[in-house]
Amino acid sequence: MDQAEFAALAGTSRSTISRLENDRTTLRAEQIARLESELNLSIHEALQITALQRDWLGDYLQLEEKQRAAVDEIITATVRAIKGLA
């Protein structure tokens, strides 16, 4: 499946999928739900996400973009500190 086909399934543009592949954007919760429906699979199962991770991910995806950005900054800073990169 190419980017254009995947974008059509997700209800977004090919350029968004390109940015997604390059870690420059994320899909919105409704796009993930649409993919699950179109592909007849659970994203959580496909990615082998545990129940705890699924619950956290669901909460995260419900955040407003600004809130998600703040969470991302906290996670990035935490990972850097753990790796000794801070």
N, C-alpha and C. Protein backbone atom coordinates (compact mmCIF):
# COMPACT_ATOMS: atom_id res chain seq x y z
N MET A 1 0.85 -1.17 0.00
CA MET A 1 0.00 0.00 0.00
C MET A 1 0.90 1.23 0.00
N ASP A 2 0.64 2.15 -0.92
CA ASP A 2 1.46 3.36 -0.97
C ASP A 2 0.88 4.45 -0.07
N GLN A 3 1.60 5.56 0.03
CA GLN A 3 1.18 6.66 0.91
C GLN A 3 -0.19 7.21 0.54
N ALA A 4 -0.46 7.35 -0.74
CA ALA A 4 -1.75 7.90 -1.18
C ALA A 4 -2.90 6.98 -0.78
N GLU A 5 -2.71 5.68 -0.93
CA GLU A 5 -3.76 4.73 -0.53
C GLU A 5 -3.98 4.75 0.98
N PHE A 6 -2.88 4.77 1.73
CA PHE A 6 -2.98 4.82 3.18
C PHE A 6 -3.63 6.12 3.64
N ALA A 7 -3.27 7.22 3.00
CA ALA A 7 -3.85 8.52 3.33
C ALA A 7 -5.36 8.51 3.10
N ALA A 8 -5.79 7.90 2.00
CA ALA A 8 -7.22 7.83 1.70
C ALA A 8 -7.95 7.05 2.79
N LEU A 9 -7.36 5.95 3.25
CA LEU A 9 -7.98 5.16 4.32
C LEU A 9 -8.08 5.95 5.62
N ALA A 10 -7.05 6.75 5.90
CA ALA A 10 -7.03 7.52 7.14
C ALA A 10 -7.82 8.82 7.04
N GLY A 11 -8.20 9.18 5.82
CA GLY A 11 -8.92 10.43 5.65
C GLY A 11 -8.03 11.65 5.78
N THR A 12 -6.82 11.54 5.24
CA THR A 12 -5.87 12.64 5.32
C THR A 12 -5.11 12.74 3.99
N SER A 13 -4.08 13.55 3.95
CA SER A 13 -3.33 13.74 2.71
C SER A 13 -2.08 12.86 2.68
N ARG A 14 -1.56 12.67 1.47
CA ARG A 14 -0.32 11.91 1.30
C ARG A 14 0.83 12.61 2.02
N SER A 15 0.84 13.95 1.99
CA SER A 15 1.92 14.69 2.66
C SER A 15 1.87 14.49 4.18
N THR A 16 0.67 14.35 4.73
CA THR A 16 0.56 14.07 6.17
C THR A 16 1.16 12.71 6.48
N ILE A 17 0.91 11.73 5.63
CA ILE A 17 1.48 10.40 5.85
C ILE A 17 3.00 10.46 5.75
N SER A 18 3.51 11.24 4.83
CA SER A 18 4.96 11.41 4.72
C SER A 18 5.52 12.02 6.00
N ARG A 19 4.86 13.05 6.52
CA ARG A 19 5.31 13.68 7.78
C ARG A 19 5.20 12.69 8.94
N LEU A 20 4.17 11.86 8.93
CA LEU A 20 3.99 10.84 9.96
C LEU A 20 5.16 9.86 9.93
N GLU A 21 5.53 9.41 8.74
CA GLU A 21 6.65 8.47 8.59
C GLU A 21 7.97 9.07 9.05
N ASN A 22 8.08 10.38 8.99
CA ASN A 22 9.31 11.07 9.39
C ASN A 22 9.22 11.67 10.80
N ASP A 23 8.24 11.20 11.58
CA ASP A 23 8.05 11.66 12.96
C ASP A 23 7.88 13.17 13.08
N ARG A 24 7.21 13.78 12.09
CA ARG A 24 6.98 15.22 12.12
C ARG A 24 5.52 15.56 12.40
N THR A 25 4.69 14.54 12.59
CA THR A 25 3.28 14.75 12.94
C THR A 25 2.74 13.46 13.54
N THR A 26 1.52 13.52 14.05
CA THR A 26 0.82 12.34 14.56
C THR A 26 -0.58 12.31 13.96
N LEU A 27 -1.19 11.15 14.01
CA LEU A 27 -2.57 11.04 13.56
C LEU A 27 -3.49 11.44 14.70
N ARG A 28 -4.61 12.02 14.36
CA ARG A 28 -5.63 12.35 15.36
C ARG A 28 -6.41 11.08 15.71
N ALA A 29 -7.04 11.09 16.86
CA ALA A 29 -7.80 9.92 17.33
C ALA A 29 -8.83 9.47 16.30
N GLU A 30 -9.50 10.43 15.65
CA GLU A 30 -10.53 10.05 14.68
C GLU A 30 -9.91 9.40 13.44
N GLN A 31 -8.68 9.77 13.11
CA GLN A 31 -8.00 9.14 11.97
C GLN A 31 -7.61 7.70 12.32
N ILE A 32 -7.15 7.51 13.54
CA ILE A 32 -6.81 6.15 13.99
C ILE A 32 -8.06 5.28 14.01
N ALA A 33 -9.17 5.82 14.52
CA ALA A 33 -10.43 5.07 14.54
C ALA A 33 -10.88 4.72 13.12
N ARG A 34 -10.71 5.65 12.20
CA ARG A 34 -11.09 5.39 10.81
C ARG A 34 -10.23 4.27 10.21
N LEU A 35 -8.93 4.30 10.48
CA LEU A 35 -8.05 3.23 10.00
C LEU A 35 -8.46 1.88 10.57
N GLU A 36 -8.78 1.85 11.86
CA GLU A 36 -9.23 0.60 12.48
C GLU A 36 -10.45 0.06 11.76
N SER A 37 -11.38 0.94 11.46
CA SER A 37 -12.61 0.54 10.77
C SER A 37 -12.33 0.09 9.34
N GLU A 38 -11.57 0.88 8.60
CA GLU A 38 -11.28 0.57 7.20
C GLU A 38 -10.46 -0.71 7.04
N LEU A 39 -9.53 -0.93 7.96
CA LEU A 39 -8.64 -2.09 7.87
C LEU A 39 -9.16 -3.28 8.66
N ASN A 40 -10.27 -3.07 9.39
CA ASN A 40 -10.89 -4.12 10.20
C ASN A 40 -9.88 -4.74 11.17
N LEU A 41 -9.17 -3.87 11.87
CA LEU A 41 -8.22 -4.34 12.87
C LEU A 41 -8.11 -3.31 13.98
N SER A 42 -7.64 -3.78 15.10
CA SER A 42 -7.38 -2.90 16.23
C SER A 42 -5.93 -2.44 16.16
N ILE A 43 -5.72 -1.14 16.16
CA ILE A 43 -4.36 -0.61 16.15
C ILE A 43 -3.60 -1.13 17.36
N HIS A 44 -4.28 -1.22 18.50
CA HIS A 44 -3.63 -1.71 19.71
C HIS A 44 -3.12 -3.14 19.52
N GLU A 45 -3.94 -3.99 18.90
CA GLU A 45 -3.52 -5.36 18.66
C GLU A 45 -2.39 -5.42 17.64
N ALA A 46 -2.50 -4.63 16.58
CA ALA A 46 -1.48 -4.64 15.53
C ALA A 46 -0.12 -4.21 16.08
N LEU A 47 -0.13 -3.27 17.02
CA LEU A 47 1.11 -2.78 17.61
C LEU A 47 1.48 -3.52 18.89
N GLN A 48 0.67 -4.51 19.25
CA GLN A 48 0.88 -5.32 20.46
C GLN A 48 0.97 -4.44 21.71
N ILE A 49 0.01 -3.54 21.83
CA ILE A 49 -0.05 -2.63 22.97
C ILE A 49 -0.83 -3.29 24.10
N THR A 50 -0.29 -3.25 25.32
CA THR A 50 -0.95 -3.86 26.47
C THR A 50 -2.17 -3.03 26.89
N ALA A 51 -2.98 -3.60 27.78
CA ALA A 51 -4.18 -2.90 28.24
C ALA A 51 -3.81 -1.58 28.92
N LEU A 52 -2.76 -1.58 29.74
CA LEU A 52 -2.34 -0.36 30.41
C LEU A 52 -1.88 0.68 29.40
N GLN A 53 -1.08 0.24 28.43
CA GLN A 53 -0.62 1.16 27.39
C GLN A 53 -1.80 1.68 26.58
N ARG A 54 -2.77 0.81 26.28
CA ARG A 54 -3.95 1.20 25.50
C ARG A 54 -4.74 2.27 26.24
N ASP A 55 -4.93 2.08 27.53
CA ASP A 55 -5.68 3.07 28.31
C ASP A 55 -4.96 4.41 28.32
N TRP A 56 -3.64 4.38 28.52
CA TRP A 56 -2.86 5.61 28.52
C TRP A 56 -2.88 6.27 27.16
N LEU A 57 -2.73 5.47 26.11
CA LEU A 57 -2.74 6.01 24.75
C LEU A 57 -4.09 6.66 24.44
N GLY A 58 -5.17 6.01 24.85
CA GLY A 58 -6.50 6.57 24.63
C GLY A 58 -6.65 7.92 25.30
N ASP A 59 -6.17 8.01 26.53
CA ASP A 59 -6.24 9.28 27.25
C ASP A 59 -5.39 10.34 26.55
N TYR A 60 -4.20 9.94 26.12
CA TYR A 60 -3.30 10.86 25.43
C TYR A 60 -3.92 11.39 24.15
N LEU A 61 -4.53 10.52 23.38
CA LEU A 61 -5.11 10.93 22.10
C LEU A 61 -6.32 11.84 22.27
N GLN A 62 -6.92 11.84 23.43
CA GLN A 62 -8.06 12.70 23.69
C GLN A 62 -7.64 14.11 24.10
N LEU A 63 -6.36 14.30 24.39
CA LEU A 63 -5.87 15.62 24.79
C LEU A 63 -5.92 16.59 23.62
N GLU A 64 -6.07 17.85 23.94
CA GLU A 64 -5.97 18.90 22.93
C GLU A 64 -4.51 18.94 22.45
N GLU A 65 -4.29 19.48 21.26
CA GLU A 65 -2.94 19.51 20.67
C GLU A 65 -1.92 20.16 21.60
N LYS A 66 -2.29 21.26 22.24
CA LYS A 66 -1.38 21.97 23.14
C LYS A 66 -1.03 21.10 24.35
N GLN A 67 -2.03 20.40 24.87
CA GLN A 67 -1.78 19.52 26.02
C GLN A 67 -0.88 18.35 25.62
N ARG A 68 -1.13 17.79 24.42
CA ARG A 68 -0.31 16.69 23.93
C ARG A 68 1.14 17.14 23.75
N ALA A 69 1.34 18.35 23.26
CA ALA A 69 2.69 18.89 23.08
C ALA A 69 3.41 18.99 24.43
N ALA A 70 2.68 19.42 25.46
CA ALA A 70 3.28 19.53 26.79
C ALA A 70 3.67 18.15 27.32
N VAL A 71 2.81 17.16 27.12
CA VAL A 71 3.11 15.79 27.54
C VAL A 71 4.33 15.28 26.78
N ASP A 72 4.38 15.54 25.48
CA ASP A 72 5.52 15.12 24.66
C ASP A 72 6.82 15.70 25.19
N GLU A 73 6.79 16.98 25.57
CA GLU A 73 8.00 17.63 26.11
C GLU A 73 8.44 16.96 27.41
N ILE A 74 7.49 16.63 28.26
CA ILE A 74 7.81 15.97 29.54
C ILE A 74 8.42 14.60 29.28
N ILE A 75 7.82 13.85 28.37
CA ILE A 75 8.34 12.51 28.06
C ILE A 75 9.73 12.60 27.45
N THR A 76 9.94 13.53 26.53
CA THR A 76 11.25 13.70 25.90
C THR A 76 12.30 14.07 26.93
N ALA A 77 11.98 14.99 27.80
CA ALA A 77 12.93 15.40 28.85
C ALA A 77 13.24 14.24 29.79
N THR A 78 12.24 13.45 30.11
CA THR A 78 12.44 12.30 30.99
C THR A 78 13.36 11.26 30.35
N VAL A 79 13.10 10.96 29.08
CA VAL A 79 13.93 9.98 28.37
C VAL A 79 15.37 10.48 28.27
N ARG A 80 15.54 11.76 27.96
CA ARG A 80 16.90 12.32 27.88
C ARG A 80 17.61 12.23 29.22
N ALA A 81 16.89 12.53 30.30
CA ALA A 81 17.48 12.47 31.64
C ALA A 81 17.89 11.04 31.98
N ILE A 82 17.04 10.09 31.64
CA ILE A 82 17.35 8.68 31.89
C ILE A 82 18.57 8.25 31.11
N LYS A 83 18.68 8.71 29.88
CA LYS A 83 19.82 8.35 29.04
C LYS A 83 21.05 9.21 29.33
N GLY A 84 20.92 10.19 30.23
CA GLY A 84 22.03 11.05 30.57
C GLY A 84 22.33 12.11 29.51
N LEU A 85 21.31 12.49 28.75
CA LEU A 85 21.49 13.47 27.69
C LEU A 85 21.01 14.85 28.07
N ALA A 86 20.45 14.99 29.23
CA ALA A 86 19.86 16.28 29.63
C ALA A 86 20.90 17.33 29.88
